[in-house]
């Protein structure tokens, strides 16, 4: 066993991984604490969605500002995932996990106390750094403690907790926003985080890569900056112009830095932060592509659908949470069931079917029209929720299953990177398409109004635009509603195509024989 230093400066021994069939002592605490972290992170994503209209009014934010509430978090989350996982393998997973929890908790406090949208988005960026560590290290901790069938059980719980947070996130967010104010969607993280940090210090066993090399600082810096530039380029492409010098510089700089990063990692070999051999693994490439495409389609669709329910159908945050329960409860139930199926069912069947269900659900949004009530969304909600729930457990398990246990943090970080890059690019790309489509439809219907009116309609402020239109008020209100609904339908059809492509890739590439022996022991 290798000696490490824990978070309070005392010497601790890194716990050896259990052999197949052997149960690690105290592993239930690890599963419970990782589940708490997962619940916090997923809850944070969902509660923010339902609070966006209140944020817009309280902080006077425009459509771009609202996107940044989600994208600032996604940007730093994507940029630091691989960094967090690699550092955890080398410095100690428990040690880095607790540090990530501390950063996330402190940033949540800053979010809750913010005076304006700029400060909120900066705090959300810091929150993303802490979340990156938790997202990357959590699955690695589970992978270290659990093997074979027990690992399937652990990731079933992991996926079920994610579903539970998503299921009750809109309700909790709606209750907090309507009852005590939107700031509490962030402040609620603080006491939970403090308790989790204490439990982590007392109950999680330390583990790290045996015979560890020094920290690959060059790799960490190159990858974080390259990925940050890539995501920022996509996030700001619509606002700045896709051919503007800034965006072209960001995208070109990202490609150049990633190329240098690959050269550095190839030269360092085993001492590098990323095992490039992963990209010769067909299953790793398949699950990575499916993860990126699936999250680009799924999370951006939720962002737009919540805006539709609140801004077009007039639901309060609490009412929006209630209306999304069919989707989120379906997600929870299917995720819990899927965990037990990962042992018996080929992973490509689970992932491919999950993406196909999501594609069907997103396409079913074409059932809504200008006069629809929220119940017209039910077929879409049920199919999409089933797809999302079926996807999460095998995705998390496969992300670490392709690598040896010693590199679990790196593998989990890489898997989560594809997930969060997908979310960031999806919200930016599909959000820009939605804004354009709604604006074009509204301009065609009411050409006399300025461009600012089109942007306001895309942001969900159609009623406010109509109130300022004088004698055209009724016509403008009808045009705004129709433009929003038809734009939503068109963009979610593109999201459905994206999810269908992810399904095809999963069926064609994912194979159980590509996994490390520790991931298939006990099958």
Protein backbone atom coordinates (compact mmCIF):
# COMPACT_ATOMS: atom_id res chain seq x y z
CA UNK A 1 0.00 0.00 0.00
CA UNK A 2 1.21 3.50 -0.76
CA UNK A 3 1.29 6.27 1.79
CA UNK A 4 -0.71 9.40 1.13
CA UNK A 5 -1.53 12.55 3.04
CA UNK A 6 -5.18 13.17 3.87
CA UNK A 7 -6.96 16.50 3.98
CA UNK A 8 -6.01 17.36 7.54
CA UNK A 9 -2.33 16.66 7.05
CA UNK A 10 -2.08 13.28 8.77
CA UNK A 11 -0.50 10.30 7.10
CA UNK A 12 -2.94 7.73 5.77
CA UNK A 13 -2.64 4.52 3.81
CA UNK A 14 -4.27 4.22 0.42
CA UNK A 15 -6.71 1.35 0.67
CA UNK A 16 -6.15 -1.51 -1.76
CA UNK A 17 -8.92 -2.28 -4.22
CA UNK A 18 -10.98 -5.33 -3.25
CA UNK A 19 -10.49 -8.49 -5.22
CA UNK A 20 -13.43 -9.81 -7.27
CA UNK A 21 -16.00 -11.20 -4.86
CA UNK A 22 -14.42 -9.43 -1.87
CA UNK A 23 -16.42 -6.70 -0.16
CA UNK A 24 -14.53 -3.61 0.93
CA UNK A 25 -15.23 -2.48 4.51
CA UNK A 26 -17.28 0.69 4.80
CA UNK A 27 -18.12 0.78 1.11
CA UNK A 28 -21.74 1.58 1.96
CA UNK A 29 -20.62 4.93 3.33
CA UNK A 30 -18.77 5.64 0.08
CA UNK A 31 -21.88 4.87 -1.95
CA UNK A 32 -24.02 7.02 0.35
CA UNK A 33 -21.67 10.03 0.23
CA UNK A 34 -21.15 9.82 -3.55
CA UNK A 35 -24.93 9.61 -3.86
CA UNK A 36 -25.31 12.77 -1.75
CA UNK A 37 -22.84 14.55 -4.03
CA UNK A 38 -24.63 13.30 -7.14
CA UNK A 39 -27.99 14.39 -5.73
CA UNK A 40 -26.63 17.89 -5.04
CA UNK A 41 -25.13 18.25 -8.50
CA UNK A 42 -28.16 16.98 -10.41
CA UNK A 43 -30.53 18.94 -8.18
CA UNK A 44 -28.52 22.08 -8.90
CA UNK A 45 -29.02 21.58 -12.63
CA UNK A 46 -32.77 21.06 -12.43
CA UNK A 47 -33.69 23.68 -9.83
CA UNK A 48 -31.91 26.37 -11.83
CA UNK A 49 -34.01 25.59 -14.91
CA UNK A 50 -37.34 26.33 -13.25
CA UNK A 51 -35.99 29.51 -11.60
CA UNK A 52 -34.78 31.12 -14.84
CA UNK A 53 -37.84 33.36 -15.35
CA UNK A 54 -37.51 34.66 -11.78
CA UNK A 55 -33.80 35.21 -12.31
CA UNK A 56 -34.55 37.13 -15.48
CA UNK A 57 -36.90 39.49 -13.66
CA UNK A 58 -34.90 39.87 -10.42
CA UNK A 59 -31.52 40.44 -12.08
CA UNK A 60 -32.80 42.06 -15.32
CA UNK A 61 -31.11 39.39 -17.44
CA UNK A 62 -31.59 38.98 -21.20
CA UNK A 63 -31.68 35.68 -23.13
CA UNK A 64 -27.88 35.57 -23.34
CA UNK A 65 -27.58 36.23 -19.61
CA UNK A 66 -29.95 33.36 -18.85
CA UNK A 67 -27.94 31.03 -21.06
CA UNK A 68 -24.80 32.02 -19.17
CA UNK A 69 -26.41 30.98 -15.89
CA UNK A 70 -26.26 27.44 -17.29
CA UNK A 71 -23.26 27.83 -19.59
CA UNK A 72 -20.82 29.40 -17.11
CA UNK A 73 -21.32 26.31 -14.97
CA UNK A 74 -21.02 23.99 -17.97
CA UNK A 75 -17.88 25.74 -19.26
CA UNK A 76 -15.75 25.30 -16.15
CA UNK A 77 -17.30 21.92 -15.45
CA UNK A 78 -16.20 20.65 -18.86
CA UNK A 79 -12.77 22.26 -18.68
CA UNK A 80 -11.80 20.77 -15.29
CA UNK A 81 -13.33 17.27 -15.38
CA UNK A 82 -10.29 15.46 -16.74
CA UNK A 83 -8.06 17.61 -14.54
CA UNK A 84 -10.04 16.65 -11.42
CA UNK A 85 -10.03 12.95 -12.26
CA UNK A 86 -6.32 12.85 -13.05
CA UNK A 87 -5.36 14.77 -9.90
CA UNK A 88 -7.50 12.40 -7.82
CA UNK A 89 -5.69 9.33 -9.16
CA UNK A 90 -2.35 10.87 -8.20
CA UNK A 91 -3.00 12.93 -5.08
CA UNK A 92 -5.67 10.74 -3.52
CA UNK A 93 -9.33 10.42 -4.49
CA UNK A 94 -10.69 11.14 -1.02
CA UNK A 95 -8.50 14.20 -0.65
CA UNK A 96 -9.47 15.72 -4.00
CA UNK A 97 -13.15 14.75 -3.55
CA UNK A 98 -13.35 16.71 -0.27
CA UNK A 99 -11.62 19.69 -1.87
CA UNK A 100 -14.16 19.66 -4.68
CA UNK A 101 -17.02 19.54 -2.18
CA UNK A 102 -15.57 22.56 -0.36
CA UNK A 103 -15.28 24.60 -3.57
CA UNK A 104 -18.80 23.68 -4.68
CA UNK A 105 -20.29 24.56 -1.29
CA UNK A 106 -18.50 27.91 -1.07
CA UNK A 107 -19.50 28.80 -4.63
CA UNK A 108 -23.13 27.92 -3.86
CA UNK A 109 -23.03 30.45 -1.02
CA UNK A 110 -21.70 33.10 -3.40
CA UNK A 111 -24.45 32.30 -5.93
CA UNK A 112 -27.09 32.73 -3.27
CA UNK A 113 -25.74 36.12 -2.20
CA UNK A 114 -25.13 37.55 -5.69
CA UNK A 115 -26.26 41.16 -6.38
CA UNK A 116 -26.36 40.92 -10.21
CA UNK A 117 -26.30 38.46 -13.09
CA UNK A 118 -22.58 38.99 -13.84
CA UNK A 119 -21.58 38.05 -10.29
CA UNK A 120 -23.96 35.10 -10.41
CA UNK A 121 -22.37 33.78 -13.58
CA UNK A 122 -18.84 34.19 -12.17
CA UNK A 123 -19.91 32.28 -9.05
CA UNK A 124 -21.54 29.65 -11.26
CA UNK A 125 -18.18 29.24 -13.00
CA UNK A 126 -16.50 28.57 -9.65
CA UNK A 127 -19.32 26.20 -8.78
CA UNK A 128 -18.54 24.32 -12.00
CA UNK A 129 -14.93 23.78 -10.89
CA UNK A 130 -16.08 22.07 -7.70
CA UNK A 131 -18.72 20.12 -9.56
CA UNK A 132 -16.13 18.91 -12.06
CA UNK A 133 -14.15 17.28 -9.27
CA UNK A 134 -17.22 15.66 -7.74
CA UNK A 135 -18.51 14.39 -11.09
CA UNK A 136 -15.13 12.91 -12.00
CA UNK A 137 -14.07 11.44 -8.67
CA UNK A 138 -17.45 10.06 -7.52
CA UNK A 139 -17.62 7.24 -10.11
CA UNK A 140 -13.93 6.50 -9.54
CA UNK A 141 -14.54 6.05 -5.80
CA UNK A 142 -17.36 3.62 -6.59
CA UNK A 143 -15.22 1.79 -9.13
CA UNK A 144 -12.49 1.35 -6.53
CA UNK A 145 -14.81 -0.07 -3.88
CA UNK A 146 -17.12 -2.23 -6.01
CA UNK A 147 -16.48 -5.05 -8.48
CA UNK A 148 -18.52 -7.25 -10.80
CA UNK A 149 -22.21 -7.60 -9.91
CA UNK A 150 -21.77 -5.35 -6.88
CA UNK A 151 -20.52 -2.61 -9.19
CA UNK A 152 -23.70 -2.96 -11.26
CA UNK A 153 -25.71 -2.55 -8.07
CA UNK A 154 -23.70 0.53 -7.04
CA UNK A 155 -24.13 2.22 -10.39
CA UNK A 156 -27.81 1.34 -10.36
CA UNK A 157 -28.13 3.26 -7.10
CA UNK A 158 -25.95 6.01 -8.59
CA UNK A 159 -28.25 6.31 -11.61
CA UNK A 160 -31.36 6.08 -9.45
CA UNK A 161 -30.19 8.93 -7.22
CA UNK A 162 -29.52 11.03 -10.33
CA UNK A 163 -33.06 10.29 -11.42
CA UNK A 164 -34.43 11.10 -7.97
CA UNK A 165 -32.75 14.50 -8.00
CA UNK A 166 -34.08 15.23 -11.48
CA UNK A 167 -37.53 13.97 -10.46
CA UNK A 168 -37.86 16.21 -7.44
CA UNK A 169 -35.58 19.03 -8.61
CA UNK A 170 -38.32 20.98 -10.41
CA UNK A 171 -40.65 20.59 -7.41
CA UNK A 172 -37.97 21.61 -4.92
CA UNK A 173 -36.88 24.46 -7.19
CA UNK A 174 -40.46 25.58 -7.67
CA UNK A 175 -41.20 25.39 -3.95
CA UNK A 176 -38.07 27.33 -3.01
CA UNK A 177 -38.49 29.93 -5.76
CA UNK A 178 -42.18 30.50 -5.08
CA UNK A 179 -41.93 30.20 -1.29
CA UNK A 180 -38.70 31.80 -0.07
CA UNK A 181 -37.06 33.13 -3.24
CA UNK A 182 -34.77 31.93 -6.01
CA UNK A 183 -31.60 32.53 -3.94
CA UNK A 184 -32.41 29.46 -1.85
CA UNK A 185 -31.95 27.13 -4.81
CA UNK A 186 -28.23 27.78 -4.23
CA UNK A 187 -28.16 28.37 -0.46
CA UNK A 188 -29.75 24.97 0.20
CA UNK A 189 -26.49 23.38 -0.99
CA UNK A 190 -24.51 24.92 1.88
CA UNK A 191 -25.70 22.86 4.90
CA UNK A 192 -25.82 19.68 2.77
CA UNK A 193 -22.28 20.32 1.59
CA UNK A 194 -20.95 20.90 5.10
CA UNK A 195 -22.46 17.63 6.36
CA UNK A 196 -21.13 15.73 3.34
CA UNK A 197 -17.61 17.11 3.82
CA UNK A 198 -17.59 15.94 7.45
CA UNK A 199 -18.86 12.48 6.50
CA UNK A 200 -16.31 12.22 3.69
CA UNK A 201 -13.47 13.05 6.08
CA UNK A 202 -14.60 10.38 8.54
CA UNK A 203 -15.89 7.57 6.37
CA UNK A 204 -14.36 7.46 2.87
CA UNK A 205 -11.20 5.40 2.44
CA UNK A 206 -8.27 7.00 0.65
CA UNK A 207 -7.13 5.53 -2.67
CA UNK A 208 -4.86 6.57 -5.49
CA UNK A 209 -2.88 5.23 -8.42
CA UNK A 210 -0.11 2.88 -7.18
CA UNK A 211 3.43 3.91 -8.08
CA UNK A 212 2.05 7.32 -8.96
CA UNK A 213 3.98 9.76 -11.10
CA UNK A 214 4.20 13.47 -10.44
CA UNK A 215 1.37 15.75 -11.50
CA UNK A 216 1.35 16.42 -15.25
CA UNK A 217 1.06 20.19 -14.93
CA UNK A 218 1.73 20.82 -18.63
CA UNK A 219 -1.06 18.45 -19.61
CA UNK A 220 -3.46 19.88 -17.05
CA UNK A 221 -2.91 23.43 -18.25
CA UNK A 222 -3.04 22.65 -21.97
CA UNK A 223 -6.19 20.55 -21.77
CA UNK A 224 -8.10 22.91 -19.48
CA UNK A 225 -7.33 25.99 -21.60
CA UNK A 226 -7.99 24.15 -24.88
CA UNK A 227 -11.32 22.77 -23.75
CA UNK A 228 -12.30 26.07 -22.17
CA UNK A 229 -11.58 27.89 -25.45
CA UNK A 230 -13.54 25.29 -27.44
CA UNK A 231 -16.63 25.49 -25.23
CA UNK A 232 -16.43 29.29 -24.97
CA UNK A 233 -16.26 29.54 -28.75
CA UNK A 234 -19.48 27.57 -29.09
CA UNK A 235 -21.18 29.44 -26.28
CA UNK A 236 -20.39 32.90 -27.65
CA UNK A 237 -20.55 32.09 -31.36
CA UNK A 238 -24.11 33.32 -31.80
CA UNK A 239 -23.63 36.58 -29.88
CA UNK A 240 -20.27 37.49 -31.43
CA UNK A 241 -20.84 36.04 -34.92
CA UNK A 242 -19.47 32.67 -36.00
CA UNK A 243 -16.97 34.25 -38.39
CA UNK A 244 -15.86 37.01 -36.01
CA UNK A 245 -12.13 37.21 -35.19
CA UNK A 246 -12.80 36.34 -31.54
CA UNK A 247 -14.71 33.12 -32.25
CA UNK A 248 -12.38 31.98 -35.02
CA UNK A 249 -9.41 32.62 -32.73
CA UNK A 250 -10.97 30.65 -29.88
CA UNK A 251 -11.79 27.64 -32.05
CA UNK A 252 -8.44 27.67 -33.89
CA UNK A 253 -6.56 28.14 -30.63
CA UNK A 254 -8.43 25.23 -29.08
CA UNK A 255 -7.52 22.90 -31.95
CA UNK A 256 -3.87 23.97 -31.78
CA UNK A 257 -3.66 23.51 -28.01
CA UNK A 258 -5.33 20.09 -28.20
CA UNK A 259 -2.77 19.04 -30.80
CA UNK A 260 0.07 20.17 -28.52
CA UNK A 261 -1.61 18.36 -25.62
CA UNK A 262 -1.67 15.09 -27.58
CA UNK A 263 2.03 15.47 -28.41
CA UNK A 264 2.88 16.14 -24.75
CA UNK A 265 0.85 13.16 -23.54
CA UNK A 266 2.41 10.87 -26.14
CA UNK A 267 5.88 11.91 -25.01
CA UNK A 268 5.07 11.44 -21.31
CA UNK A 269 3.44 8.02 -21.79
CA UNK A 270 2.37 6.52 -18.45
CA UNK A 271 3.38 9.73 -16.64
CA UNK A 272 0.81 11.75 -18.61
CA UNK A 273 -2.65 12.70 -17.34
CA UNK A 274 -4.49 10.99 -20.22
CA UNK A 275 -3.97 7.44 -21.46
CA UNK A 276 -4.18 7.93 -25.23
CA UNK A 277 -4.68 4.18 -25.64
CA UNK A 278 -8.29 4.77 -24.64
CA UNK A 279 -8.94 6.20 -28.10
CA UNK A 280 -7.98 2.84 -29.61
CA UNK A 281 -10.84 1.28 -27.63
CA UNK A 282 -13.94 1.00 -29.82
CA UNK A 283 -16.33 0.99 -26.86
CA UNK A 284 -14.75 4.08 -25.32
CA UNK A 285 -15.16 5.99 -28.58
CA UNK A 286 -18.73 4.77 -28.96
CA UNK A 287 -19.93 5.65 -25.47
CA UNK A 288 -18.11 9.01 -25.68
CA UNK A 289 -19.87 9.94 -28.94
CA UNK A 290 -23.26 8.74 -27.65
CA UNK A 291 -22.75 10.70 -24.42
CA UNK A 292 -21.87 13.93 -26.23
CA UNK A 293 -24.75 13.71 -28.72
CA UNK A 294 -27.32 12.47 -26.20
CA UNK A 295 -26.63 15.21 -23.70
CA UNK A 296 -26.53 17.88 -26.40
CA UNK A 297 -30.03 16.84 -27.42
CA UNK A 298 -31.53 16.02 -24.02
CA UNK A 299 -30.41 18.87 -21.79
CA UNK A 300 -30.97 21.61 -24.35
CA UNK A 301 -34.48 20.27 -24.94
CA UNK A 302 -35.29 20.51 -21.22
CA UNK A 303 -34.00 24.10 -21.14
CA UNK A 304 -36.34 25.03 -24.01
CA UNK A 305 -39.34 23.01 -22.76
CA UNK A 306 -39.20 24.61 -19.31
CA UNK A 307 -39.19 28.01 -21.00
CA UNK A 308 -42.27 26.96 -23.01
CA UNK A 309 -44.20 25.72 -19.97
CA UNK A 310 -43.49 28.83 -17.91
CA UNK A 311 -43.42 31.60 -20.51
CA UNK A 312 -46.01 30.41 -23.04
CA UNK A 313 -48.33 28.31 -20.90
CA UNK A 314 -47.95 30.68 -17.94
CA UNK A 315 -47.00 28.13 -15.27
CA UNK A 316 -45.34 29.25 -12.03
CA UNK A 317 -42.07 27.51 -11.05
CA UNK A 318 -44.02 25.21 -8.71
CA UNK A 319 -46.57 24.41 -11.40
CA UNK A 320 -43.78 23.77 -13.91
CA UNK A 321 -42.22 21.30 -11.50
CA UNK A 322 -45.52 19.45 -11.16
CA UNK A 323 -45.99 19.30 -14.91
CA UNK A 324 -42.56 17.79 -15.46
CA UNK A 325 -43.14 15.00 -12.93
CA UNK A 326 -44.19 12.47 -15.62
CA UNK A 327 -40.77 12.85 -17.25
CA UNK A 328 -38.73 12.95 -14.09
CA UNK A 329 -40.50 10.13 -12.25
CA UNK A 330 -40.20 7.94 -15.33
CA UNK A 331 -36.49 8.77 -15.39
CA UNK A 332 -36.11 7.76 -11.73
CA UNK A 333 -37.94 4.45 -12.05
CA UNK A 334 -36.19 3.40 -15.25
CA UNK A 335 -32.75 4.38 -13.90
CA UNK A 336 -33.28 2.28 -10.78
CA UNK A 337 -34.40 -0.74 -12.82
CA UNK A 338 -31.62 -0.35 -15.39
CA UNK A 339 -28.91 -0.66 -12.73
CA UNK A 340 -29.85 -4.30 -12.12
CA UNK A 341 -30.01 -4.97 -15.87
CA UNK A 342 -26.42 -3.92 -16.60
CA UNK A 343 -25.22 -7.38 -15.54
CA UNK A 344 -27.58 -9.41 -17.73
CA UNK A 345 -28.19 -7.13 -20.72
CA UNK A 346 -25.46 -6.15 -23.23
CA UNK A 347 -24.49 -2.52 -22.61
CA UNK A 348 -24.90 -1.54 -26.26
CA UNK A 349 -28.53 -2.69 -26.12
CA UNK A 350 -29.17 -0.51 -23.07
CA UNK A 351 -27.41 2.58 -24.44
CA UNK A 352 -28.75 2.20 -27.98
CA UNK A 353 -32.33 1.67 -26.79
CA UNK A 354 -32.04 4.59 -24.37
CA UNK A 355 -31.03 6.98 -27.14
CA UNK A 356 -33.78 5.64 -29.42
CA UNK A 357 -36.38 6.29 -26.72
CA UNK A 358 -35.07 9.80 -26.23
CA UNK A 359 -35.21 10.43 -29.99
CA UNK A 360 -38.82 9.27 -30.07
CA UNK A 361 -39.70 11.47 -27.12
CA UNK A 362 -38.16 14.58 -28.63
CA UNK A 363 -39.86 13.95 -31.97
CA UNK A 364 -43.19 13.54 -30.15
CA UNK A 365 -43.03 17.24 -29.24
CA UNK A 366 -44.39 17.81 -32.74
CA UNK A 367 -47.76 16.83 -31.26
CA UNK A 368 -48.09 20.24 -29.60
CA UNK A 369 -49.66 23.20 -31.38
CA UNK A 370 -50.44 26.81 -30.57
CA UNK A 371 -53.57 25.93 -28.59
CA UNK A 372 -52.19 22.87 -26.74
CA UNK A 373 -52.26 22.48 -22.98
CA UNK A 374 -49.29 20.93 -21.17
CA UNK A 375 -50.87 17.47 -21.37
CA UNK A 376 -49.98 17.36 -25.08
CA UNK A 377 -46.37 16.95 -23.89
CA UNK A 378 -47.09 13.71 -22.01
CA UNK A 379 -46.03 11.25 -24.77
CA UNK A 380 -42.80 13.18 -25.19
CA UNK A 381 -42.17 13.35 -21.43
CA UNK A 382 -42.68 9.62 -20.87
CA UNK A 383 -40.46 8.51 -23.75
CA UNK A 384 -37.74 11.08 -23.04
CA UNK A 385 -37.73 10.26 -19.32
CA UNK A 386 -37.42 6.54 -20.04
CA UNK A 387 -34.51 7.18 -22.39
CA UNK A 388 -32.64 9.42 -19.98
CA UNK A 389 -33.17 7.00 -17.10
CA UNK A 390 -31.97 4.00 -19.09
CA UNK A 391 -28.87 5.85 -20.28
CA UNK A 392 -27.29 7.05 -17.04
CA UNK A 393 -26.32 3.80 -15.22
CA UNK A 394 -24.58 2.06 -18.17
CA UNK A 395 -22.91 5.31 -19.21
CA UNK A 396 -21.35 5.83 -15.77
CA UNK A 397 -20.32 2.18 -15.53
CA UNK A 398 -18.81 2.07 -19.02
CA UNK A 399 -16.89 5.31 -18.49
CA UNK A 400 -14.67 3.68 -15.86
CA UNK A 401 -15.03 0.12 -17.13
CA UNK A 402 -12.81 0.75 -20.15
CA UNK A 403 -9.75 1.51 -17.99
CA UNK A 404 -7.76 -0.28 -15.32
CA UNK A 405 -8.86 0.60 -11.74
CA UNK A 406 -5.71 2.66 -11.10
CA UNK A 407 -6.77 5.11 -13.82
CA UNK A 408 -10.44 5.21 -12.83
CA UNK A 409 -10.37 8.94 -12.03
CA UNK A 410 -8.87 9.76 -15.41
CA UNK A 411 -11.39 7.55 -17.23
CA UNK A 412 -14.36 8.93 -15.28
CA UNK A 413 -13.14 12.47 -15.87
CA UNK A 414 -12.89 11.85 -19.60
CA UNK A 415 -16.37 10.33 -19.70
CA UNK A 416 -17.86 13.24 -17.79
CA UNK A 417 -16.00 15.66 -20.09
CA UNK A 418 -17.89 14.36 -23.10
CA UNK A 419 -21.15 14.66 -21.14
CA UNK A 420 -20.61 18.26 -20.07
CA UNK A 421 -19.19 19.40 -23.41
CA UNK A 422 -22.32 17.96 -24.98
CA UNK A 423 -24.51 19.93 -22.58
CA UNK A 424 -22.63 23.18 -23.15
CA UNK A 425 -22.53 22.85 -26.94
CA UNK A 426 -26.14 21.64 -27.07
CA UNK A 427 -27.53 24.53 -25.04
CA UNK A 428 -25.46 27.02 -27.05
CA UNK A 429 -26.06 25.50 -30.48
CA UNK A 430 -29.71 24.51 -30.19
CA UNK A 431 -30.41 27.66 -28.17
CA UNK A 432 -29.00 29.78 -30.99
CA UNK A 433 -31.01 27.86 -33.59
CA UNK A 434 -34.15 28.32 -31.50
CA UNK A 435 -33.55 32.04 -31.12
CA UNK A 436 -33.01 32.41 -34.87
CA UNK A 437 -36.04 30.32 -35.79
CA UNK A 438 -38.41 32.10 -33.42
CA UNK A 439 -37.07 35.48 -34.50
CA UNK A 440 -37.51 34.69 -38.20
CA UNK A 441 -41.06 33.38 -37.70
CA UNK A 442 -42.03 36.40 -35.61
CA UNK A 443 -40.46 38.85 -38.09
CA UNK A 444 -42.39 37.23 -40.94
CA UNK A 445 -45.65 37.57 -39.00
CA UNK A 446 -45.06 41.11 -37.62
CA UNK A 447 -42.38 42.76 -39.78
CA UNK A 448 -42.96 46.26 -38.35
CA UNK A 449 -41.42 45.52 -34.94
CA UNK A 450 -37.67 45.95 -34.23
CA UNK A 451 -35.10 43.18 -33.78
CA UNK A 452 -35.19 43.65 -30.01
CA UNK A 453 -38.81 42.47 -30.03
CA UNK A 454 -37.81 39.25 -31.78
CA UNK A 455 -35.13 38.58 -29.17
CA UNK A 456 -37.62 39.23 -26.37
CA UNK A 457 -40.11 36.77 -27.87
CA UNK A 458 -37.40 34.08 -28.09
CA UNK A 459 -36.59 34.73 -24.42
CA UNK A 460 -40.24 34.07 -23.52
CA UNK A 461 -41.32 37.69 -23.09
CA UNK A 462 -43.94 37.66 -25.84
CA UNK A 463 -46.67 38.99 -23.54
CA UNK A 464 -44.51 41.95 -22.56
CA UNK A 465 -43.86 42.75 -26.22
CA UNK A 466 -47.60 42.55 -26.95
CA UNK A 467 -48.46 44.97 -24.14
CA UNK A 468 -46.33 47.65 -25.79
CA UNK A 469 -47.75 47.11 -29.28
CA UNK A 470 -50.82 49.34 -28.93
CA UNK A 471 -53.56 48.45 -31.43
CA UNK A 472 -51.52 45.48 -32.65
CA UNK A 473 -51.54 43.91 -29.20
CA UNK A 474 -53.73 40.91 -30.02
CA UNK A 475 -51.99 40.16 -33.32
CA UNK A 476 -48.54 40.47 -31.72
CA UNK A 477 -49.50 38.17 -28.82
CA UNK A 478 -50.80 35.53 -31.22
CA UNK A 479 -47.73 35.83 -33.45
CA UNK A 480 -45.39 35.58 -30.47
CA UNK A 481 -47.07 32.42 -29.19
CA UNK A 482 -47.17 30.79 -32.63
CA UNK A 483 -43.52 31.67 -33.34
CA UNK A 484 -42.37 30.23 -30.01
CA UNK A 485 -44.34 26.98 -30.41
CA UNK A 486 -43.36 26.34 -34.03
CA UNK A 487 -39.73 27.26 -33.35
CA UNK A 488 -39.67 24.87 -30.40
CA UNK A 489 -41.13 22.06 -32.48
CA UNK A 490 -38.61 22.57 -35.29
CA UNK A 491 -35.56 22.69 -33.02
CA UNK A 492 -36.61 19.66 -30.95
CA UNK A 493 -36.96 17.71 -34.20
CA UNK A 494 -33.28 18.42 -34.82
CA UNK A 495 -32.56 17.29 -31.25
CA UNK A 496 -34.41 14.05 -32.01
CA UNK A 497 -32.20 13.46 -35.05
CA UNK A 498 -29.14 14.03 -32.87
CA UNK A 499 -30.35 11.43 -30.34
CA UNK A 500 -31.15 8.96 -33.13
CA UNK A 501 -27.58 9.30 -34.40
CA UNK A 502 -26.32 8.58 -30.87
CA UNK A 503 -28.46 5.42 -30.83
CA UNK A 504 -27.00 4.19 -34.12
CA UNK A 505 -23.45 4.81 -32.90
CA UNK A 506 -24.10 2.94 -29.64
CA UNK A 507 -25.52 -0.13 -31.40
CA UNK A 508 -22.57 -0.19 -33.82
CA UNK A 509 -19.64 0.33 -31.44
CA UNK A 510 -20.21 -0.68 -27.81
CA UNK A 511 -18.93 -4.17 -26.88
CA UNK A 512 -18.59 -5.81 -23.47
CA UNK A 513 -15.32 -7.51 -24.47
CA UNK A 514 -13.61 -4.09 -24.67
CA UNK A 515 -14.01 -3.55 -20.91
CA UNK A 516 -11.28 -4.10 -18.33
CA UNK A 517 -11.48 -7.43 -16.48
CA UNK A 518 -12.40 -5.65 -13.22
CA UNK A 519 -15.58 -4.35 -14.87
CA UNK A 520 -16.75 -7.75 -16.08
CA UNK A 521 -15.70 -9.86 -13.09
CA UNK A 522 -18.66 -11.76 -11.73
CA UNK A 523 -20.63 -11.75 -14.97
